[in-house]
PDB file of N, CA and C in Angstrom:
ATOM      1  N   MET A   1     159.969  77.075-149.463  1.00  0.00           N
ATOM      2  CA  MET A   1     158.686  76.321-149.138  1.00  0.00           C
ATOM      3  C   MET A   1     157.787  76.939-150.188  1.00  0.00           C
ATOM      4  N   GLY A   2     157.180  75.550-150.426  1.00  0.00           N
ATOM      5  CA  GLY A   2     156.339  75.524-151.277  1.00  0.00           C
ATOM      6  C   GLY A   2     154.895  74.923-150.629  1.00  0.00           C
ATOM      7  N   MET A   3     153.674  74.965-151.558  1.00  0.00           N
ATOM      8  CA  MET A   3     152.764  74.084-150.790  1.00  0.00           C
ATOM      9  C   MET A   3     153.121  72.718-150.960  1.00  0.00           C
ATOM     10  N   PRO A   4     152.298  71.815-149.664  1.00  0.00           N
ATOM     11  CA  PRO A   4     152.754  70.546-149.659  1.00  0.00           C
ATOM     12  C   PRO A   4     152.154  69.761-151.089  1.00  0.00           C
ATOM     13  N   GLY A   5     152.977  68.622-151.172  1.00  0.00           N
ATOM     14  CA  GLY A   5     152.640  67.985-152.533  1.00  0.00           C
ATOM     15  C   GLY A   5     151.328  66.658-151.757  1.00  0.00           C
ATOM     16  N   GLY A   6     151.399  65.729-152.809  1.00  0.00           N
ATOM     17  CA  GLY A   6     150.506  64.775-152.650  1.00  0.00           C
ATOM     18  C   GLY A   6     151.232  63.950-151.485  1.00  0.00           C
ATOM     19  N   MET A   7     152.107  63.710-151.518  1.00  0.00           N
ATOM     20  CA  MET A   7     152.585  62.435-150.309  1.00  0.00           C
ATOM     21  C   MET A   7     152.666  63.331-148.804  1.00  0.00           C
ATOM     22  N   GLU A   8     152.949  64.864-148.649  1.00  0.00           N
ATOM     23  CA  GLU A   8     153.076  65.353-147.523  1.00  0.00           C
ATOM     24  C   GLU A   8     151.557  65.134-147.262  1.00  0.00           C
ATOM     25  N   TRP A   9     150.236  65.746-148.101  1.00  0.00           N
ATOM     26  CA  TRP A   9     148.774  65.473-147.373  1.00  0.00           C
ATOM     27  C   TRP A   9     148.740  64.336-147.148  1.00  0.00           C
ATOM     28  N   ILE A  10     149.409  63.310-147.614  1.00  0.00           N
ATOM     29  CA  ILE A  10     148.691  61.728-146.740  1.00  0.00           C
ATOM     30  C   ILE A  10     149.507  61.841-145.515  1.00  0.00           C
ATOM     31  N   LEU A  11     150.645  61.878-145.506  1.00  0.00           N
ATOM     32  CA  LEU A  11     151.592  61.998-144.275  1.00  0.00           C
ATOM     33  C   LEU A  11     150.412  62.692-143.425  1.00  0.00           C
ATOM     34  N   ILE A  12     150.547  63.765-143.576  1.00  0.00           N
ATOM     35  CA  ILE A  12     149.686  64.918-142.614  1.00  0.00           C
ATOM     36  C   ILE A  12     148.404  63.787-142.276  1.00  0.00           C
ATOM     37  N   ALA A  13     147.559  63.823-143.176  1.00  0.00           N
ATOM     38  CA  ALA A  13     146.320  63.007-142.807  1.00  0.00           C
ATOM     39  C   ALA A  13     146.660  61.826-142.025  1.00  0.00           C
ATOM     40  N   LEU A  14     147.442  61.083-141.913  1.00  0.00           N
ATOM     41  CA  LEU A  14     147.963  59.832-141.369  1.00  0.00           C
ATOM     42  C   LEU A  14     148.122  60.244-139.855  1.00  0.00           C
ATOM     43  N   VAL A  15     148.835  61.522-139.958  1.00  0.00           N
ATOM     44  CA  VAL A  15     149.319  61.790-138.029  1.00  0.00           C
ATOM     45  C   VAL A  15     148.138  62.531-137.488  1.00  0.00           C
ATOM     46  N   VAL A  16     147.204  63.272-138.390  1.00  0.00           N
ATOM     47  CA  VAL A  16     145.870  63.606-137.591  1.00  0.00           C
ATOM     48  C   VAL A  16     145.016  62.478-137.125  1.00  0.00           C
ATOM     49  N   LEU A  17     144.945  61.484-138.266  1.00  0.00           N
ATOM     50  CA  LEU A  17     144.138  60.210-137.824  1.00  0.00           C
ATOM     51  C   LEU A  17     144.629  59.402-136.487  1.00  0.00           C
ATOM     52  N   LEU A  18     145.979  59.344-136.362  1.00  0.00           N
ATOM     53  CA  LEU A  18     146.831  58.588-135.222  1.00  0.00           C
ATOM     54  C   LEU A  18     146.686  59.616-133.956  1.00  0.00           C
ATOM     55  N   LEU A  19     146.640  60.796-133.998  1.00  0.00           N
ATOM     56  CA  LEU A  19     146.576  61.932-133.072  1.00  0.00           C
ATOM     57  C   LEU A  19     145.059  62.118-132.398  1.00  0.00           C
ATOM     58  N   PHE A  20     144.263  62.117-133.311  1.00  0.00           N
ATOM     59  CA  PHE A  20     142.722  62.195-132.737  1.00  0.00           C
ATOM     60  C   PHE A  20     141.833  60.852-133.052  1.00  0.00           C
ATOM     61  N   GLY A  21     141.995  59.818-134.002  1.00  0.00           N
ATOM     62  CA  GLY A  21     141.401  58.483-133.867  1.00  0.00           C
ATOM     63  C   GLY A  21     140.418  59.003-134.725  1.00  0.00           C
ATOM     64  N   GLY A  22     139.826  57.923-135.376  1.00  0.00           N
ATOM     65  CA  GLY A  22     138.570  58.095-136.370  1.00  0.00           C
ATOM     66  C   GLY A  22     137.211  58.632-135.972  1.00  0.00           C
ATOM     67  N   LYS A  23     137.288  58.338-134.382  1.00  0.00           N
ATOM     68  CA  LYS A  23     135.718  58.944-133.797  1.00  0.00           C
ATOM     69  C   LYS A  23     135.683  60.298-133.851  1.00  0.00           C
ATOM     70  N   LYS A  24     136.878  61.149-133.399  1.00  0.00           N
ATOM     71  CA  LYS A  24     136.845  62.412-132.950  1.00  0.00           C
ATOM     72  C   LYS A  24     136.905  63.299-134.258  1.00  0.00           C
ATOM     73  N   ILE A  25     137.570  62.799-135.226  1.00  0.00           N
ATOM     74  CA  ILE A  25     137.542  63.513-136.453  1.00  0.00           C
ATOM     75  C   ILE A  25     136.248  64.015-137.163  1.00  0.00           C
ATOM     76  N   PRO A  26     135.029  63.370-136.970  1.00  0.00           N
ATOM     77  CA  PRO A  26     134.062  64.145-137.714  1.00  0.00           C
ATOM     78  C   PRO A  26     133.494  64.799-136.658  1.00  0.00           C
ATOM     79  N   GLU A  27     133.553  64.688-135.256  1.00  0.00           N
ATOM     80  CA  GLU A  27     133.400  65.775-134.113  1.00  0.00           C
ATOM     81  C   GLU A  27     134.164  67.001-134.407  1.00  0.00           C
ATOM     82  N   LEU A  28     135.252  66.766-134.981  1.00  0.00           N
ATOM     83  CA  LEU A  28     136.234  67.994-135.086  1.00  0.00           C
ATOM     84  C   LEU A  28     135.292  68.706-136.039  1.00  0.00           C
ATOM     85  N   ALA A  29     135.430  67.985-137.341  1.00  0.00           N
ATOM     86  CA  ALA A  29     135.036  68.733-138.434  1.00  0.00           C
ATOM     87  C   ALA A  29     133.631  69.714-138.232  1.00  0.00           C
ATOM     88  N   LYS A  30     132.648  68.813-137.782  1.00  0.00           N
ATOM     89  CA  LYS A  30     131.227  69.512-137.325  1.00  0.00           C
ATOM     90  C   LYS A  30     131.356  70.443-136.724  1.00  0.00           C
ATOM     91  N   GLY A  31     132.342  70.653-135.600  1.00  0.00           N
ATOM     92  CA  GLY A  31     132.708  71.830-134.758  1.00  0.00           C
ATOM     93  C   GLY A  31     133.130  72.929-135.682  1.00  0.00           C
ATOM     94  N   LEU A  32     133.971  72.738-136.325  1.00  0.00           N
ATOM     95  CA  LEU A  32     134.774  73.626-137.347  1.00  0.00           C
ATOM     96  C   LEU A  32     133.769  74.030-138.163  1.00  0.00           C
ATOM     97  N   GLY A  33     132.636  73.402-138.838  1.00  0.00           N
ATOM     98  CA  GLY A  33     131.815  73.866-139.685  1.00  0.00           C
ATOM     99  C   GLY A  33     130.744  74.810-138.930  1.00  0.00           C
ATOM    100  N   SER A  34     130.471  74.476-137.809  1.00  0.00           N
ATOM    101  CA  SER A  34     129.614  75.338-137.016  1.00  0.00           C
ATOM    102  C   SER A  34     130.287  76.428-136.777  1.00  0.00           C
ATOM    103  N   GLY A  35     131.574  76.563-136.518  1.00  0.00           N
ATOM    104  CA  GLY A  35     132.093  77.817-136.220  1.00  0.00           C
ATOM    105  C   GLY A  35     132.261  78.518-137.412  1.00  0.00           C
ATOM    106  N   ILE A  36     132.504  77.867-138.513  1.00  0.00           N
ATOM    107  CA  ILE A  36     132.449  78.785-139.681  1.00  0.00           C
ATOM    108  C   ILE A  36     131.118  79.588-140.111  1.00  0.00           C
ATOM    109  N   LYS A  37     130.310  78.605-139.954  1.00  0.00           N
ATOM    110  CA  LYS A  37     128.821  79.116-140.246  1.00  0.00           C
ATOM    111  C   LYS A  37     128.599  80.169-138.827  1.00  0.00           C
ATOM    112  N   ASN A  38     129.017  80.007-137.964  1.00  0.00           N
ATOM    113  CA  ASN A  38     128.674  81.191-137.029  1.00  0.00           C
ATOM    114  C   ASN A  38     129.104  82.693-137.297  1.00  0.00           C
ATOM    115  N   PHE A  39     130.566  82.240-137.796  1.00  0.00           N
ATOM    116  CA  PHE A  39     131.189  83.501-138.248  1.00  0.00           C
ATOM    117  C   PHE A  39     130.793  84.193-139.433  1.00  0.00           C
ATOM    118  N   LYS A  40     130.159  83.374-140.467  1.00  0.00           N
ATOM    119  CA  LYS A  40     129.701  83.932-141.471  1.00  0.00           C
ATOM    120  C   LYS A  40     128.148  84.982-141.176  1.00  0.00           C
ATOM    121  N   ASN A  41     127.742  84.055-140.272  1.00  0.00           N
ATOM    122  CA  ASN A  41     126.471  84.601-140.049  1.00  0.00           C
ATOM    123  C   ASN A  41     126.563  85.958-138.790  1.00  0.00           C
ATOM    124  N   ALA A  42     127.700  86.168-137.948  1.00  0.00           N
ATOM    125  CA  ALA A  42     128.128  87.411-137.576  1.00  0.00           C
ATOM    126  C   ALA A  42     128.460  88.425-138.640  1.00  0.00           C
ATOM    127  N   VAL A  43     129.071  88.051-139.792  1.00  0.00           N
ATOM    128  CA  VAL A  43     129.623  89.195-140.745  1.00  0.00           C
ATOM    129  C   VAL A  43     128.414  89.534-140.937  1.00  0.00           C
ATOM    130  N   LYS A  44     127.717  88.877-141.730  1.00  0.00           N
ATOM    131  CA  LYS A  44     126.136  88.983-142.562  1.00  0.00           C
ATOM    132  C   LYS A  44     125.328  90.179-141.279  1.00  0.00           C
ATOM    133  N   GLU A  45     125.177  89.914-139.997  1.00  0.00           N
ATOM    134  CA  GLU A  45     124.864  90.685-139.193  1.00  0.00           C
ATOM    135  C   GLU A  45     125.110  92.111-139.097  1.00  0.00           C
ATOM    136  N   ASP A  46     126.810  92.045-139.164  1.00  0.00           N
ATOM    137  CA  ASP A  46     127.586  93.229-138.902  1.00  0.00           C
ATOM    138  C   ASP A  46     127.052  94.105-140.413  1.00  0.00           C
ATOM    139  N   GLU A  47     127.236  93.361-141.353  1.00  0.00           N
ATOM    140  CA  GLU A  47     126.849  94.261-142.790  1.00  0.00           C
ATOM    141  C   GLU A  47     125.494  94.808-142.596  1.00  0.00           C
ATOM    142  N   LYS A  48     124.159  94.215-142.325  1.00  0.00           N
ATOM    143  CA  LYS A  48     123.292  94.643-141.836  1.00  0.00           C
ATOM    144  C   LYS A  48     123.269  95.901-141.254  1.00  0.00           C
ATOM    145  N   GLU A  49     123.602  95.655-140.178  1.00  0.00           N
ATOM    146  CA  GLU A  49     123.551  96.679-139.098  1.00  0.00           C
ATOM    147  C   GLU A  49     124.248  98.242-139.567  1.00  0.00           C
ATOM    148  N   GLU A  50     125.506  98.089-140.500  1.00  0.00           N
ATOM    149  CA  GLU A  50     126.146  99.115-141.127  1.00  0.00           C
ATOM    150  C   GLU A  50     124.977  99.750-142.101  1.00  0.00           C
ATOM    151  N   GLU A  51     124.120  98.869-142.890  1.00  0.00           N
ATOM    152  CA  GLU A  51     123.393  99.444-143.654  1.00  0.00           C
ATOM    153  C   GLU A  51     122.448 100.351-143.076  1.00  0.00           C
ATOM    154  N   VAL A  52     121.695  99.547-141.776  1.00  0.00           N
ATOM    155  CA  VAL A  52     120.411 100.282-141.269  1.00  0.00           C
ATOM    156  C   VAL A  52     121.202 101.458-140.570  1.00  0.00           C
ATOM    157  N   ALA A  53     122.469 101.609-140.131  1.00  0.00           N
ATOM    158  CA  ALA A  53     123.041 102.681-139.533  1.00  0.00           C
ATOM    159  C   ALA A  53     123.172 103.963-140.544  1.00  0.00           C
ATOM    160  N   LYS A  54     123.703 103.481-141.923  1.00  0.00           N
ATOM    161  CA  LYS A  54     123.729 104.424-142.760  1.00  0.00           C
ATOM    162  C   LYS A  54     122.440 105.022-143.152  1.00  0.00           C
ATOM    163  N   ALA A  55     121.298 104.026-143.222  1.00  0.00           N
ATOM    164  CA  ALA A  55     120.188 104.547-143.674  1.00  0.00           C
ATOM    165  C   ALA A  55     119.635 105.598-143.047  1.00  0.00           C
ATOM    166  N   ASP A  56     120.047 105.195-141.173  1.00  0.00           N
ATOM    167  CA  ASP A  56     119.565 106.125-140.396  1.00  0.00           C
ATOM    168  C   ASP A  56     120.067 107.212-140.430  1.00  0.00           C
ATOM    169  N   LYS A  57     121.445 107.539-140.801  1.00  0.00           N
ATOM    170  CA  LYS A  57     122.026 108.777-141.162  1.00  0.00           C
ATOM    171  C   LYS A  57     121.781 109.725-141.997  1.00  0.00           C
ATOM    172  N   ALA A  58     121.548 108.984-143.206  1.00  0.00           N
ATOM    173  CA  ALA A  58     120.904 109.408-144.504  1.00  0.00           C
ATOM    174  C   ALA A  58     119.329 110.221-144.132  1.00  0.00           C
ATOM    175  N   ASP A  59     118.662 109.337-143.191  1.00  0.00           N
ATOM    176  CA  ASP A  59     117.671 109.969-142.800  1.00  0.00           C
ATOM    177  C   ASP A  59     117.615 111.326-142.069  1.00  0.00           C
ATOM    178  N   GLU A  60     118.518 111.169-140.933  1.00  0.00           N
ATOM    179  CA  GLU A  60     118.750 112.371-140.257  1.00  0.00           C
ATOM    180  C   GLU A  60     119.178 113.585-141.016  1.00  0.00           C
ATOM    181  N   ILE A  61     120.211 113.505-141.870  1.00  0.00           N
ATOM    182  CA  ILE A  61     120.610 114.339-143.060  1.00  0.00           C
ATOM    183  C   ILE A  61     119.213 115.233-143.679  1.00  0.00           C
ATOM    184  N   GLU A  62     118.586 114.171-144.312  1.00  0.00           N
ATOM    185  CA  GLU A  62     117.218 114.754-145.157  1.00  0.00           C
ATOM    186  C   GLU A  62     116.083 115.146-144.353  1.00  0.00           C
ATOM    187  N   ASP A  63     116.120 115.211-142.789  1.00  0.00           N
ATOM    188  CA  ASP A  63     115.181 115.697-141.823  1.00  0.00           C
ATOM    189  C   ASP A  63     115.972 117.249-141.708  1.00  0.00           C
ATOM    190  N   LYS A  64     117.251 116.991-141.477  1.00  0.00           N
ATOM    191  CA  LYS A  64     118.054 118.564-141.205  1.00  0.00           C
ATOM    192  C   LYS A  64     118.040 119.534-142.434  1.00  0.00           C
ATOM    193  N   LYS A  65     118.190 118.773-143.402  1.00  0.00           N
ATOM    194  CA  LYS A  65     117.693 119.836-145.081  1.00  0.00           C
ATOM    195  C   LYS A  65     116.313 120.216-145.056  1.00  0.00           C
ATOM    196  N   THR A  66     115.215 119.347-144.437  1.00  0.00           N
ATOM    197  CA  THR A  66     113.887 119.656-144.521  1.00  0.00           C
ATOM    198  C   THR A  66     113.600 120.706-143.507  1.00  0.00           C
ATOM    199  N   LYS A  67     114.319 120.585-142.335  1.00  0.00           N
ATOM    200  CA  LYS A  67     114.077 121.675-141.131  1.00  0.00           C
ATOM    201  C   LYS A  67     114.504 123.200-141.552  1.00  0.00           C
ATOM    202  N   THR A  68     115.597 122.841-142.025  1.00  0.00           N
ATOM    203  CA  THR A  68     116.431 124.325-142.753  1.00  0.00           C
ATOM    204  C   THR A  68     115.455 124.958-143.759  1.00  0.00           C
ATOM    205  N   ALA A  69     114.955 124.159-144.757  1.00  0.00           N
ATOM    206  CA  ALA A  69     114.345 124.716-145.731  1.00  0.00           C
ATOM    207  C   ALA A  69     113.021 125.233-145.005  1.00  0.00           C
ATOM    208  N   SER A  70     112.359 124.889-144.285  1.00  0.00           N
ATOM    209  CA  SER A  70     111.088 125.353-143.690  1.00  0.00           C
ATOM    210  C   SER A  70     111.563 126.542-143.035  1.00  0.00           C
ATOM    211  N   VAL A  71     112.805 126.663-142.182  1.00  0.00           N
ATOM    212  CA  VAL A  71     113.221 127.762-141.529  1.00  0.00           C
ATOM    213  C   VAL A  71     113.352 128.924-142.254  1.00  0.00           C
ATOM    214  N   ASP A  72     114.104 128.870-143.559  1.00  0.00           N
ATOM    215  CA  ASP A  72     114.248 129.585-144.328  1.00  0.00           C
ATOM    216  C   ASP A  72     113.106 130.327-144.939  1.00  0.00           C
ATOM    217  N   THR A  73     111.974 129.359-145.504  1.00  0.00           N
ATOM    218  CA  THR A  73     110.991 129.586-145.829  1.00  0.00           C
ATOM    219  C   THR A  73     110.229 130.691-144.881  1.00  0.00           C
ATOM    220  N   GLU A  74     110.080 130.413-143.375  1.00  0.00           N
ATOM    221  CA  GLU A  74     109.351 131.239-142.618  1.00  0.00           C
ATOM    222  C   GLU A  74     109.990 132.477-142.358  1.00  0.00           C
ATOM    223  N   ASP A  75     111.563 132.702-142.445  1.00  0.00           N
ATOM    224  CA  ASP A  75     112.041 133.779-142.061  1.00  0.00           C
ATOM    225  C   ASP A  75     111.615 134.808-143.484  1.00  0.00           C
ATOM    226  N   SER A  76     111.955 134.136-144.700  1.00  0.00           N
ATOM    227  CA  SER A  76     111.251 135.120-145.634  1.00  0.00           C
ATOM    228  C   SER A  76     110.035 135.320-146.029  1.00  0.00           C
ATOM    229  N   LYS A  77     108.659 134.693-144.898  1.00  0.00           N
ATOM    230  CA  LYS A  77     107.668 135.166-145.054  1.00  0.00           C
ATOM    231  C   LYS A  77     107.349 136.224-144.018  1.00  0.00           C
ATOM    232  N   LYS A  78     108.478 136.430-143.121  1.00  0.00           N
ATOM    233  CA  LYS A  78     108.260 137.559-141.825  1.00  0.00           C
ATOM    234  C   LYS A  78     108.926 138.521-142.449  1.00  0.00           C
ATOM    235  N   ALA A  79     109.713 138.666-143.769  1.00  0.00           N
ATOM    236  CA  ALA A  79     110.614 139.817-143.786  1.00  0.00           C
ATOM    237  C   ALA A  79     109.774 140.616-144.885  1.00  0.00           C
TER     238      ALA A  79
END
């Protein structure tokens, strides 16, 4: 089974038109479009959250390194 050809697409379009009617199809397309848009926005937000989490983690690691270095310096001064 391959992809539908030209006649199959026309038949599918006619069946959809008969099932939903001419007035419902634009509403369905609008709903589908807004759903896709919301999905893309959610994906972008998740990517931003991941970037922020990575940046926070990198900052924490840098802070730990700085604290460790300052503790080592204080220990060497005491000795």
